[in-house]
């Protein structure tokens, strides 16, 4: 396992910022780490990187204990913190070469050139970091996190401040990195988790409340299967209630209905057959798709 967290706890005074959590990550996986403000996700990420010591529990990165073998563990990690710390008086290329030398990266110039190109900084590499927009500063932060070719990337709000086109490019970069590395991604943009991540962990009040693949997470917590249907003609609600699997029928507009069934049931074939038998015009028929945002709200509200 790339990252192994066991019974991790962090206490500030009497407050449990992280309360006895355990999880593992695998190589070639993009893990979304979600939670409301104050849930403990940033604290957890800081402990994994060795920035904060835990009150209890263990963290191993690529087999190295972050407390007992801190230098070896940190060498395996690329970290982009939420508040991206950069030397604003340095030029982009100068800063990246400086960072590469700190990591003892071989062939510094070639590696910096590769990261500059990969993160879309070619036209900005000779500019001072202080002159860059927030979005391009994020790109510099991503480049420095990847310079030493770490096996684990920990990204805290990596698309913060980027414009829509830049977000698409960085998401694609994260997906590509996730094919060969372990990526732990913290974000408040829940749609980003669906677009990028293979799996999600939701943490609330210091405890893990969900840990599953994106598809399983949406299916497990959706609770019901909901189908919306609109006919061209009036329909008796009792006929809809009599359809196999229908648990509830609600009128949501003229000749428009919402049908509910047990999770996993798909009412669309039965509705389509019903419309044909009754010689009804079927104007709309679709199944509601539950998002990570729906699950997040159910588990943390």
C-alpha atoms as a PDB file:
ATOM      1  CA  UNK A   1       0.000   0.000   0.000  1.00  0.00           C
ATOM      2  CA  UNK A   2       1.283   3.507  -0.818  1.00  0.00           C
ATOM      3  CA  UNK A   3      -0.285   5.113   2.266  1.00  0.00           C
ATOM      4  CA  UNK A   4      -1.363   3.168   5.334  1.00  0.00           C
ATOM      5  CA  UNK A   5      -3.178   5.076   8.097  1.00  0.00           C
ATOM      6  CA  UNK A   6      -4.079   3.141  11.250  1.00  0.00           C
ATOM      7  CA  UNK A   7      -6.120   4.430  14.215  1.00  0.00           C
ATOM      8  CA  UNK A   8      -4.954   7.980  13.596  1.00  0.00           C
ATOM      9  CA  UNK A   9      -5.918  10.548  16.241  1.00  0.00           C
ATOM     10  CA  UNK A  10      -5.028  14.220  16.654  1.00  0.00           C
ATOM     11  CA  UNK A  11      -6.161  16.117  19.750  1.00  0.00           C
ATOM     12  CA  UNK A  12      -5.976  19.867  20.323  1.00  0.00           C
ATOM     13  CA  UNK A  13      -6.724  20.455  24.006  1.00  0.00           C
ATOM     14  CA  UNK A  14     -10.026  18.640  24.458  1.00  0.00           C
ATOM     15  CA  UNK A  15     -10.997  18.677  20.773  1.00  0.00           C
ATOM     16  CA  UNK A  16     -10.480  15.571  18.626  1.00  0.00           C
ATOM     17  CA  UNK A  17      -9.618  17.071  15.231  1.00  0.00           C
ATOM     18  CA  UNK A  18      -9.050  13.515  13.952  1.00  0.00           C
ATOM     19  CA  UNK A  19     -10.632  10.661  15.883  1.00  0.00           C
ATOM     20  CA  UNK A  20      -9.316   7.114  15.382  1.00  0.00           C
ATOM     21  CA  UNK A  21      -9.448   6.879  11.576  1.00  0.00           C
ATOM     22  CA  UNK A  22      -7.927   4.136   9.406  1.00  0.00           C
ATOM     23  CA  UNK A  23      -7.624   3.771   5.624  1.00  0.00           C
ATOM     24  CA  UNK A  24      -5.235   2.581   2.932  1.00  0.00           C
ATOM     25  CA  UNK A  25      -4.488   3.775  -0.582  1.00  0.00           C
ATOM     26  CA  UNK A  26      -3.199   1.849  -3.570  1.00  0.00           C
ATOM     27  CA  UNK A  27      -0.814   2.793  -6.330  1.00  0.00           C
ATOM     28  CA  UNK A  28      -2.639   3.966  -9.436  1.00  0.00           C
ATOM     29  CA  UNK A  29      -5.571   5.356  -7.433  1.00  0.00           C
ATOM     30  CA  UNK A  30      -6.955   8.880  -7.170  1.00  0.00           C
ATOM     31  CA  UNK A  31      -8.559   9.213  -3.743  1.00  0.00           C
ATOM     32  CA  UNK A  32     -10.917  12.100  -3.010  1.00  0.00           C
ATOM     33  CA  UNK A  33     -10.692  13.241   0.614  1.00  0.00           C
ATOM     34  CA  UNK A  34     -13.841  15.194   1.477  1.00  0.00           C
ATOM     35  CA  UNK A  35     -15.380  16.872   4.470  1.00  0.00           C
ATOM     36  CA  UNK A  36     -16.916  20.146   5.633  1.00  0.00           C
ATOM     37  CA  UNK A  37     -14.720  22.868   7.094  1.00  0.00           C
ATOM     38  CA  UNK A  38     -13.240  21.719  10.393  1.00  0.00           C
ATOM     39  CA  UNK A  39     -13.885  18.021   9.665  1.00  0.00           C
ATOM     40  CA  UNK A  40     -10.203  17.079  10.013  1.00  0.00           C
ATOM     41  CA  UNK A  41      -9.154  16.454   6.417  1.00  0.00           C
ATOM     42  CA  UNK A  42      -6.389  19.072   6.262  1.00  0.00           C
ATOM     43  CA  UNK A  43      -5.070  17.918   9.650  1.00  0.00           C
ATOM     44  CA  UNK A  44      -4.951  14.350   8.332  1.00  0.00           C
ATOM     45  CA  UNK A  45      -3.066  15.416   5.225  1.00  0.00           C
ATOM     46  CA  UNK A  46      -0.554  17.376   7.275  1.00  0.00           C
ATOM     47  CA  UNK A  47       0.077  14.332   9.468  1.00  0.00           C
ATOM     48  CA  UNK A  48       0.622  12.124   6.412  1.00  0.00           C
ATOM     49  CA  UNK A  49       3.217  14.571   5.082  1.00  0.00           C
ATOM     50  CA  UNK A  50       4.990  14.715   8.445  1.00  0.00           C
ATOM     51  CA  UNK A  51       4.133  18.376   8.961  1.00  0.00           C
ATOM     52  CA  UNK A  52       2.179  17.562  12.145  1.00  0.00           C
ATOM     53  CA  UNK A  53       2.773  14.726  14.638  1.00  0.00           C
ATOM     54  CA  UNK A  54      -0.235  12.549  15.542  1.00  0.00           C
ATOM     55  CA  UNK A  55      -1.509  12.237  19.099  1.00  0.00           C
ATOM     56  CA  UNK A  56      -1.970   8.493  18.511  1.00  0.00           C
ATOM     57  CA  UNK A  57      -1.918   5.988  15.677  1.00  0.00           C
ATOM     58  CA  UNK A  58       0.520   5.353  12.834  1.00  0.00           C
ATOM     59  CA  UNK A  59       1.043   6.518   9.260  1.00  0.00           C
ATOM     60  CA  UNK A  60       3.298   4.744   6.772  1.00  0.00           C
ATOM     61  CA  UNK A  61       4.115   6.074   3.295  1.00  0.00           C
ATOM     62  CA  UNK A  62       5.586   3.539   0.864  1.00  0.00           C
ATOM     63  CA  UNK A  63       6.441   1.393   3.872  1.00  0.00           C
ATOM     64  CA  UNK A  64       8.195   4.183   5.801  1.00  0.00           C
ATOM     65  CA  UNK A  65       6.801   5.298   9.167  1.00  0.00           C
ATOM     66  CA  UNK A  66       6.416   9.098   9.052  1.00  0.00           C
ATOM     67  CA  UNK A  67       7.616   9.432  12.682  1.00  0.00           C
ATOM     68  CA  UNK A  68      10.418   6.867  12.735  1.00  0.00           C
ATOM     69  CA  UNK A  69      11.646   7.360   9.149  1.00  0.00           C
ATOM     70  CA  UNK A  70      10.575  10.919   8.340  1.00  0.00           C
ATOM     71  CA  UNK A  71      13.138  11.706   5.623  1.00  0.00           C
ATOM     72  CA  UNK A  72      12.489   8.482   3.716  1.00  0.00           C
ATOM     73  CA  UNK A  73       8.705   8.990   3.952  1.00  0.00           C
ATOM     74  CA  UNK A  74       8.861  12.620   2.830  1.00  0.00           C
ATOM     75  CA  UNK A  75      11.029  11.694  -0.150  1.00  0.00           C
ATOM     76  CA  UNK A  76       8.082   9.631  -1.420  1.00  0.00           C
ATOM     77  CA  UNK A  77       5.595  12.520  -1.152  1.00  0.00           C
ATOM     78  CA  UNK A  78       4.794  15.481  -3.355  1.00  0.00           C
ATOM     79  CA  UNK A  79       2.679  18.024  -1.480  1.00  0.00           C
ATOM     80  CA  UNK A  80       0.631  20.984  -2.637  1.00  0.00           C
ATOM     81  CA  UNK A  81      -0.846  22.631   0.498  1.00  0.00           C
ATOM     82  CA  UNK A  82      -4.045  24.667   0.495  1.00  0.00           C
ATOM     83  CA  UNK A  83      -2.147  27.918   1.016  1.00  0.00           C
ATOM     84  CA  UNK A  84       0.490  27.468  -1.661  1.00  0.00           C
ATOM     85  CA  UNK A  85       3.764  28.853  -0.170  1.00  0.00           C
ATOM     86  CA  UNK A  86       6.043  30.262  -2.869  1.00  0.00           C
ATOM     87  CA  UNK A  87       9.043  32.604  -2.986  1.00  0.00           C
ATOM     88  CA  UNK A  88       7.364  35.427  -4.891  1.00  0.00           C
ATOM     89  CA  UNK A  89      10.594  37.300  -5.618  1.00  0.00           C
ATOM     90  CA  UNK A  90      12.059  34.325  -7.477  1.00  0.00           C
ATOM     91  CA  UNK A  91      11.507  33.573 -11.134  1.00  0.00           C
ATOM     92  CA  UNK A  92       9.497  30.467 -12.008  1.00  0.00           C
ATOM     93  CA  UNK A  93      12.408  28.526 -13.468  1.00  0.00           C
ATOM     94  CA  UNK A  94      14.777  29.739 -10.756  1.00  0.00           C
ATOM     95  CA  UNK A  95      12.386  28.555  -8.045  1.00  0.00           C
ATOM     96  CA  UNK A  96      11.853  25.154  -9.621  1.00  0.00           C
ATOM     97  CA  UNK A  97      15.589  24.591 -10.062  1.00  0.00           C
ATOM     98  CA  UNK A  98      16.121  25.599  -6.435  1.00  0.00           C
ATOM     99  CA  UNK A  99      13.445  23.136  -5.306  1.00  0.00           C
ATOM    100  CA  UNK A 100      14.858  20.373  -7.502  1.00  0.00           C
ATOM    101  CA  UNK A 101      18.301  20.799  -5.918  1.00  0.00           C
ATOM    102  CA  UNK A 102      16.749  20.557  -2.440  1.00  0.00           C
ATOM    103  CA  UNK A 103      15.329  17.187  -3.490  1.00  0.00           C
ATOM    104  CA  UNK A 104      18.686  16.206  -5.063  1.00  0.00           C
ATOM    105  CA  UNK A 105      16.998  15.607  -8.389  1.00  0.00           C
ATOM    106  CA  UNK A 106      19.415  14.379 -11.069  1.00  0.00           C
ATOM    107  CA  UNK A 107      19.608  16.316 -14.361  1.00  0.00           C
ATOM    108  CA  UNK A 108      17.916  19.349 -12.859  1.00  0.00           C
ATOM    109  CA  UNK A 109      17.495  21.387 -16.061  1.00  0.00           C
ATOM    110  CA  UNK A 110      15.888  18.522 -17.983  1.00  0.00           C
ATOM    111  CA  UNK A 111      13.516  17.684 -15.140  1.00  0.00           C
ATOM    112  CA  UNK A 112      12.482  21.319 -14.678  1.00  0.00           C
ATOM    113  CA  UNK A 113      11.875  21.663 -18.434  1.00  0.00           C
ATOM    114  CA  UNK A 114       9.638  18.582 -18.335  1.00  0.00           C
ATOM    115  CA  UNK A 115       7.570  19.880 -15.399  1.00  0.00           C
ATOM    116  CA  UNK A 116       7.275  23.369 -16.886  1.00  0.00           C
ATOM    117  CA  UNK A 117       5.863  21.861 -20.083  1.00  0.00           C
ATOM    118  CA  UNK A 118       3.596  19.389 -18.284  1.00  0.00           C
ATOM    119  CA  UNK A 119       1.985  22.089 -16.109  1.00  0.00           C
ATOM    120  CA  UNK A 120       1.588  24.664 -18.910  1.00  0.00           C
ATOM    121  CA  UNK A 121       4.186  27.133 -17.633  1.00  0.00           C
ATOM    122  CA  UNK A 122       6.362  27.391 -20.755  1.00  0.00           C
ATOM    123  CA  UNK A 123       5.345  30.979 -21.580  1.00  0.00           C
ATOM    124  CA  UNK A 124       5.678  32.040 -17.925  1.00  0.00           C
ATOM    125  CA  UNK A 125       8.909  30.328 -16.917  1.00  0.00           C
ATOM    126  CA  UNK A 126      10.965  33.549 -17.002  1.00  0.00           C
ATOM    127  CA  UNK A 127       8.466  35.614 -15.002  1.00  0.00           C
ATOM    128  CA  UNK A 128       8.656  36.421 -11.310  1.00  0.00           C
ATOM    129  CA  UNK A 129       6.231  34.299  -9.294  1.00  0.00           C
ATOM    130  CA  UNK A 130       4.803  37.456  -7.679  1.00  0.00           C
ATOM    131  CA  UNK A 131       3.703  38.650 -11.124  1.00  0.00           C
ATOM    132  CA  UNK A 132       1.645  35.525 -11.838  1.00  0.00           C
ATOM    133  CA  UNK A 133      -2.100  35.110 -11.393  1.00  0.00           C
ATOM    134  CA  UNK A 134      -3.332  32.792  -8.671  1.00  0.00           C
ATOM    135  CA  UNK A 135      -4.043  30.112 -11.232  1.00  0.00           C
ATOM    136  CA  UNK A 136      -0.488  30.120 -12.551  1.00  0.00           C
ATOM    137  CA  UNK A 137       0.880  30.117  -9.016  1.00  0.00           C
ATOM    138  CA  UNK A 138      -1.111  26.921  -8.483  1.00  0.00           C
ATOM    139  CA  UNK A 139       0.619  25.482 -11.540  1.00  0.00           C
ATOM    140  CA  UNK A 140       4.003  26.376 -10.058  1.00  0.00           C
ATOM    141  CA  UNK A 141       2.959  24.627  -6.847  1.00  0.00           C
ATOM    142  CA  UNK A 142       1.957  21.518  -8.798  1.00  0.00           C
ATOM    143  CA  UNK A 143       5.234  21.555 -10.706  1.00  0.00           C
ATOM    144  CA  UNK A 144       7.298  21.689  -7.500  1.00  0.00           C
ATOM    145  CA  UNK A 145       5.223  18.871  -5.988  1.00  0.00           C
ATOM    146  CA  UNK A 146       6.044  16.614  -8.959  1.00  0.00           C
ATOM    147  CA  UNK A 147       9.699  17.573  -9.496  1.00  0.00           C
ATOM    148  CA  UNK A 148      11.251  14.690  -7.572  1.00  0.00           C
ATOM    149  CA  UNK A 149       8.879  12.133  -9.170  1.00  0.00           C
ATOM    150  CA  UNK A 150       7.197  11.082  -5.899  1.00  0.00           C
ATOM    151  CA  UNK A 151       5.120   7.913  -5.596  1.00  0.00           C
ATOM    152  CA  UNK A 152       2.431   9.743  -3.595  1.00  0.00           C
ATOM    153  CA  UNK A 153       0.923  13.132  -4.443  1.00  0.00           C
ATOM    154  CA  UNK A 154      -1.111  14.984  -1.811  1.00  0.00           C
ATOM    155  CA  UNK A 155      -3.047  17.877  -3.312  1.00  0.00           C
ATOM    156  CA  UNK A 156      -5.072  20.234  -1.128  1.00  0.00           C
ATOM    157  CA  UNK A 157      -7.498  22.273  -3.301  1.00  0.00           C
ATOM    158  CA  UNK A 158      -5.300  21.984  -6.442  1.00  0.00           C
ATOM    159  CA  UNK A 159      -7.714  23.808  -8.789  1.00  0.00           C
ATOM    160  CA  UNK A 160      -8.351  26.744  -6.467  1.00  0.00           C
ATOM    161  CA  UNK A 161      -8.194  30.016  -8.410  1.00  0.00           C
ATOM    162  CA  UNK A 162      -8.032  28.429 -11.849  1.00  0.00           C
ATOM    163  CA  UNK A 163     -10.261  29.499 -14.727  1.00  0.00           C
ATOM    164  CA  UNK A 164     -12.564  26.871 -16.325  1.00  0.00           C
ATOM    165  CA  UNK A 165     -10.099  25.986 -19.098  1.00  0.00           C
ATOM    166  CA  UNK A 166      -7.238  25.619 -16.632  1.00  0.00           C
ATOM    167  CA  UNK A 167      -9.405  23.437 -14.372  1.00  0.00           C
ATOM    168  CA  UNK A 168     -10.046  21.021 -17.250  1.00  0.00           C
ATOM    169  CA  UNK A 169      -6.301  20.844 -18.003  1.00  0.00           C
ATOM    170  CA  UNK A 170      -5.269  20.273 -14.370  1.00  0.00           C
ATOM    171  CA  UNK A 171      -7.986  17.639 -13.872  1.00  0.00           C
ATOM    172  CA  UNK A 172      -6.672  15.779 -16.897  1.00  0.00           C
ATOM    173  CA  UNK A 173      -3.152  16.046 -15.505  1.00  0.00           C
ATOM    174  CA  UNK A 174      -4.317  14.594 -12.170  1.00  0.00           C
ATOM    175  CA  UNK A 175      -6.099  11.734 -13.965  1.00  0.00           C
ATOM    176  CA  UNK A 176      -2.925  10.980 -15.932  1.00  0.00           C
ATOM    177  CA  UNK A 177      -0.806  11.067 -12.769  1.00  0.00           C
ATOM    178  CA  UNK A 178      -3.285   8.753 -11.057  1.00  0.00           C
ATOM    179  CA  UNK A 179      -2.491   6.009 -13.579  1.00  0.00           C
ATOM    180  CA  UNK A 180       1.048   5.671 -12.223  1.00  0.00           C
ATOM    181  CA  UNK A 181       0.995   7.241  -8.753  1.00  0.00           C
ATOM    182  CA  UNK A 182      -1.185   7.466  -5.681  1.00  0.00           C
ATOM    183  CA  UNK A 183      -3.016  10.808  -5.581  1.00  0.00           C
ATOM    184  CA  UNK A 184      -4.881  12.051  -2.497  1.00  0.00           C
ATOM    185  CA  UNK A 185      -7.037  14.985  -3.504  1.00  0.00           C
ATOM    186  CA  UNK A 186      -8.835  17.293  -1.100  1.00  0.00           C
ATOM    187  CA  UNK A 187     -11.404  19.624  -2.654  1.00  0.00           C
ATOM    188  CA  UNK A 188     -14.598  21.513  -1.888  1.00  0.00           C
ATOM    189  CA  UNK A 189     -15.722  21.119  -5.509  1.00  0.00           C
ATOM    190  CA  UNK A 190     -17.704  17.901  -5.248  1.00  0.00           C
ATOM    191  CA  UNK A 191     -18.200  17.661  -8.993  1.00  0.00           C
ATOM    192  CA  UNK A 192     -14.419  17.507  -9.254  1.00  0.00           C
ATOM    193  CA  UNK A 193     -14.413  14.296  -7.222  1.00  0.00           C
ATOM    194  CA  UNK A 194     -16.780  12.641  -9.710  1.00  0.00           C
ATOM    195  CA  UNK A 195     -14.696  13.921 -12.627  1.00  0.00           C
ATOM    196  CA  UNK A 196     -11.283  12.863 -11.300  1.00  0.00           C
ATOM    197  CA  UNK A 197     -11.405  10.358  -8.439  1.00  0.00           C
ATOM    198  CA  UNK A 198     -11.704   6.563  -8.378  1.00  0.00           C
ATOM    199  CA  UNK A 199     -12.689   6.464  -4.704  1.00  0.00           C
ATOM    200  CA  UNK A 200     -13.801   8.892  -2.011  1.00  0.00           C
ATOM    201  CA  UNK A 201     -13.456   9.139   1.740  1.00  0.00           C
ATOM    202  CA  UNK A 202     -15.845  11.473   3.537  1.00  0.00           C
ATOM    203  CA  UNK A 203     -14.757  12.635   6.976  1.00  0.00           C
ATOM    204  CA  UNK A 204     -17.014  14.483   9.409  1.00  0.00           C
ATOM    205  CA  UNK A 205     -16.249  15.658  12.950  1.00  0.00           C
ATOM    206  CA  UNK A 206     -12.930  13.829  12.831  1.00  0.00           C
ATOM    207  CA  UNK A 207     -14.385  10.429  11.846  1.00  0.00           C
ATOM    208  CA  UNK A 208     -14.688   8.623   8.511  1.00  0.00           C
ATOM    209  CA  UNK A 209     -18.372   8.342   7.611  1.00  0.00           C
ATOM    210  CA  UNK A 210     -17.937   6.837   4.124  1.00  0.00           C
ATOM    211  CA  UNK A 211     -15.210   5.077   2.145  1.00  0.00           C
ATOM    212  CA  UNK A 212     -16.113   3.595  -1.246  1.00  0.00           C
ATOM    213  CA  UNK A 213     -15.682   3.901  -4.997  1.00  0.00           C
ATOM    214  CA  UNK A 214     -17.561   6.815  -6.543  1.00  0.00           C
ATOM    215  CA  UNK A 215     -20.149   4.535  -8.177  1.00  0.00           C
ATOM    216  CA  UNK A 216     -20.712   2.469  -5.039  1.00  0.00           C
ATOM    217  CA  UNK A 217     -20.929   5.599  -2.907  1.00  0.00           C
ATOM    218  CA  UNK A 218     -23.737   7.071  -5.006  1.00  0.00           C
ATOM    219  CA  UNK A 219     -25.623   3.798  -5.219  1.00  0.00           C
ATOM    220  CA  UNK A 220     -25.221   2.851  -1.564  1.00  0.00           C
ATOM    221  CA  UNK A 221     -26.502   6.123  -0.185  1.00  0.00           C
ATOM    222  CA  UNK A 222     -29.067   7.106  -2.791  1.00  0.00           C
ATOM    223  CA  UNK A 223     -31.755   5.315  -0.755  1.00  0.00           C
ATOM    224  CA  UNK A 224     -34.305   5.238  -3.591  1.00  0.00           C
ATOM    225  CA  UNK A 225     -34.549   4.956  -7.345  1.00  0.00           C
ATOM    226  CA  UNK A 226     -36.443   7.948  -8.762  1.00  0.00           C
ATOM    227  CA  UNK A 227     -37.879   8.204 -12.272  1.00  0.00           C
ATOM    228  CA  UNK A 228     -39.465  11.319 -13.741  1.00  0.00           C
ATOM    229  CA  UNK A 229     -42.016  10.822 -16.526  1.00  0.00           C
ATOM    230  CA  UNK A 230     -44.169  13.220 -18.558  1.00  0.00           C
ATOM    231  CA  UNK A 231     -47.036  12.106 -20.774  1.00  0.00           C
ATOM    232  CA  UNK A 232     -48.803  13.992 -23.524  1.00  0.00           C
ATOM    233  CA  UNK A 233     -52.191  13.072 -22.006  1.00  0.00           C
ATOM    234  CA  UNK A 234     -53.696  12.938 -18.489  1.00  0.00           C
ATOM    235  CA  UNK A 235     -53.020   9.712 -16.549  1.00  0.00           C
ATOM    236  CA  UNK A 236     -54.744   8.266 -13.484  1.00  0.00           C
ATOM    237  CA  UNK A 237     -52.236   8.198 -10.606  1.00  0.00           C
ATOM    238  CA  UNK A 238     -53.664   4.879  -9.410  1.00  0.00           C
ATOM    239  CA  UNK A 239     -52.563   3.236 -12.654  1.00  0.00           C
ATOM    240  CA  UNK A 240     -49.020   4.448 -12.071  1.00  0.00           C
ATOM    241  CA  UNK A 241     -49.086   3.215  -8.453  1.00  0.00           C
ATOM    242  CA  UNK A 242     -50.052  -0.235  -9.728  1.00  0.00           C
ATOM    243  CA  UNK A 243     -46.884  -0.573 -11.819  1.00  0.00           C
ATOM    244  CA  UNK A 244     -44.434  -3.258 -10.539  1.00  0.00           C
ATOM    245  CA  UNK A 245     -41.944  -1.864  -8.034  1.00  0.00           C
ATOM    246  CA  UNK A 246     -43.544   1.575  -7.627  1.00  0.00           C
ATOM    247  CA  UNK A 247     -43.553   2.665  -3.975  1.00  0.00           C
ATOM    248  CA  UNK A 248     -44.676   6.264  -4.317  1.00  0.00           C
ATOM    249  CA  UNK A 249     -46.193   8.511  -7.001  1.00  0.00           C
ATOM    250  CA  UNK A 250     -45.991  12.325  -6.861  1.00  0.00           C
ATOM    251  CA  UNK A 251     -47.426  14.830  -9.329  1.00  0.00           C
ATOM    252  CA  UNK A 252     -44.762  17.412 -10.216  1.00  0.00           C
ATOM    253  CA  UNK A 253     -46.541  19.220 -13.052  1.00  0.00           C
ATOM    254  CA  UNK A 254     -49.275  18.878 -15.676  1.00  0.00           C
ATOM    255  CA  UNK A 255     -49.159  15.220 -16.776  1.00  0.00           C
ATOM    256  CA  UNK A 256     -45.701  15.009 -15.157  1.00  0.00           C
ATOM    257  CA  UNK A 257     -44.957  12.488 -12.422  1.00  0.00           C
ATOM    258  CA  UNK A 258     -42.172  11.369 -10.133  1.00  0.00           C
ATOM    259  CA  UNK A 259     -42.126   7.640  -9.381  1.00  0.00           C
ATOM    260  CA  UNK A 260     -40.079   6.168  -6.520  1.00  0.00           C
ATOM    261  CA  UNK A 261     -38.864   2.606  -6.105  1.00  0.00           C
ATOM    262  CA  UNK A 262     -36.338   0.742  -3.979  1.00  0.00           C
ATOM    263  CA  UNK A 263     -32.660   1.522  -4.576  1.00  0.00           C
ATOM    264  CA  UNK A 264     -31.357  -0.479  -7.516  1.00  0.00           C
ATOM    265  CA  UNK A 265     -34.753  -0.829  -9.227  1.00  0.00           C
ATOM    266  CA  UNK A 266     -35.177   0.804 -12.617  1.00  0.00           C
ATOM    267  CA  UNK A 267     -38.798   1.688 -13.377  1.00  0.00           C
ATOM    268  CA  UNK A 268     -38.198   2.933 -16.926  1.00  0.00           C
ATOM    269  CA  UNK A 269     -38.931  -0.341 -18.767  1.00  0.00           C
ATOM    270  CA  UNK A 270     -42.247  -0.748 -16.919  1.00  0.00           C
ATOM    271  CA  UNK A 271     -43.221   2.883 -17.585  1.00  0.00           C
ATOM    272  CA  UNK A 272     -42.304   2.588 -21.272  1.00  0.00           C
ATOM    273  CA  UNK A 273     -44.390  -0.597 -21.630  1.00  0.00           C
ATOM    274  CA  UNK A 274     -47.289   1.070 -19.759  1.00  0.00           C
ATOM    275  CA  UNK A 275     -47.226   4.070 -22.118  1.00  0.00           C
ATOM    276  CA  UNK A 276     -47.324   1.805 -25.171  1.00  0.00           C
ATOM    277  CA  UNK A 277     -50.205  -0.292 -23.795  1.00  0.00           C
ATOM    278  CA  UNK A 278     -52.226   2.802 -22.874  1.00  0.00           C
ATOM    279  CA  UNK A 279     -51.368   4.513 -26.189  1.00  0.00           C
ATOM    280  CA  UNK A 280     -49.882   7.485 -24.325  1.00  0.00           C
ATOM    281  CA  UNK A 281     -47.428   9.961 -25.795  1.00  0.00           C
ATOM    282  CA  UNK A 282     -44.197   9.726 -23.808  1.00  0.00           C
ATOM    283  CA  UNK A 283     -42.640  13.212 -23.705  1.00  0.00           C
ATOM    284  CA  UNK A 284     -40.005  12.590 -21.035  1.00  0.00           C
ATOM    285  CA  UNK A 285     -38.597   9.611 -19.163  1.00  0.00           C
ATOM    286  CA  UNK A 286     -35.396   9.721 -17.155  1.00  0.00           C
ATOM    287  CA  UNK A 287     -33.912   8.254 -14.012  1.00  0.00           C
ATOM    288  CA  UNK A 288     -32.482  10.589 -11.379  1.00  0.00           C
ATOM    289  CA  UNK A 289     -28.717  10.285 -10.972  1.00  0.00           C
ATOM    290  CA  UNK A 290     -27.466  10.859  -7.455  1.00  0.00           C
ATOM    291  CA  UNK A 291     -24.256  12.840  -7.171  1.00  0.00           C
ATOM    292  CA  UNK A 292     -21.432  12.874  -4.654  1.00  0.00           C
ATOM    293  CA  UNK A 293     -22.917  16.176  -3.480  1.00  0.00           C
ATOM    294  CA  UNK A 294     -26.167  14.414  -2.533  1.00  0.00           C
ATOM    295  CA  UNK A 295     -24.239  11.784  -0.575  1.00  0.00           C
ATOM    296  CA  UNK A 296     -22.049  14.417   1.065  1.00  0.00           C
ATOM    297  CA  UNK A 297     -25.064  16.360   2.274  1.00  0.00           C
ATOM    298  CA  UNK A 298     -26.750  13.233   3.657  1.00  0.00           C
ATOM    299  CA  UNK A 299     -23.681  12.238   5.656  1.00  0.00           C
ATOM    300  CA  UNK A 300     -22.514  15.616   6.957  1.00  0.00           C
ATOM    301  CA  UNK A 301     -25.541  17.847   7.388  1.00  0.00           C
END
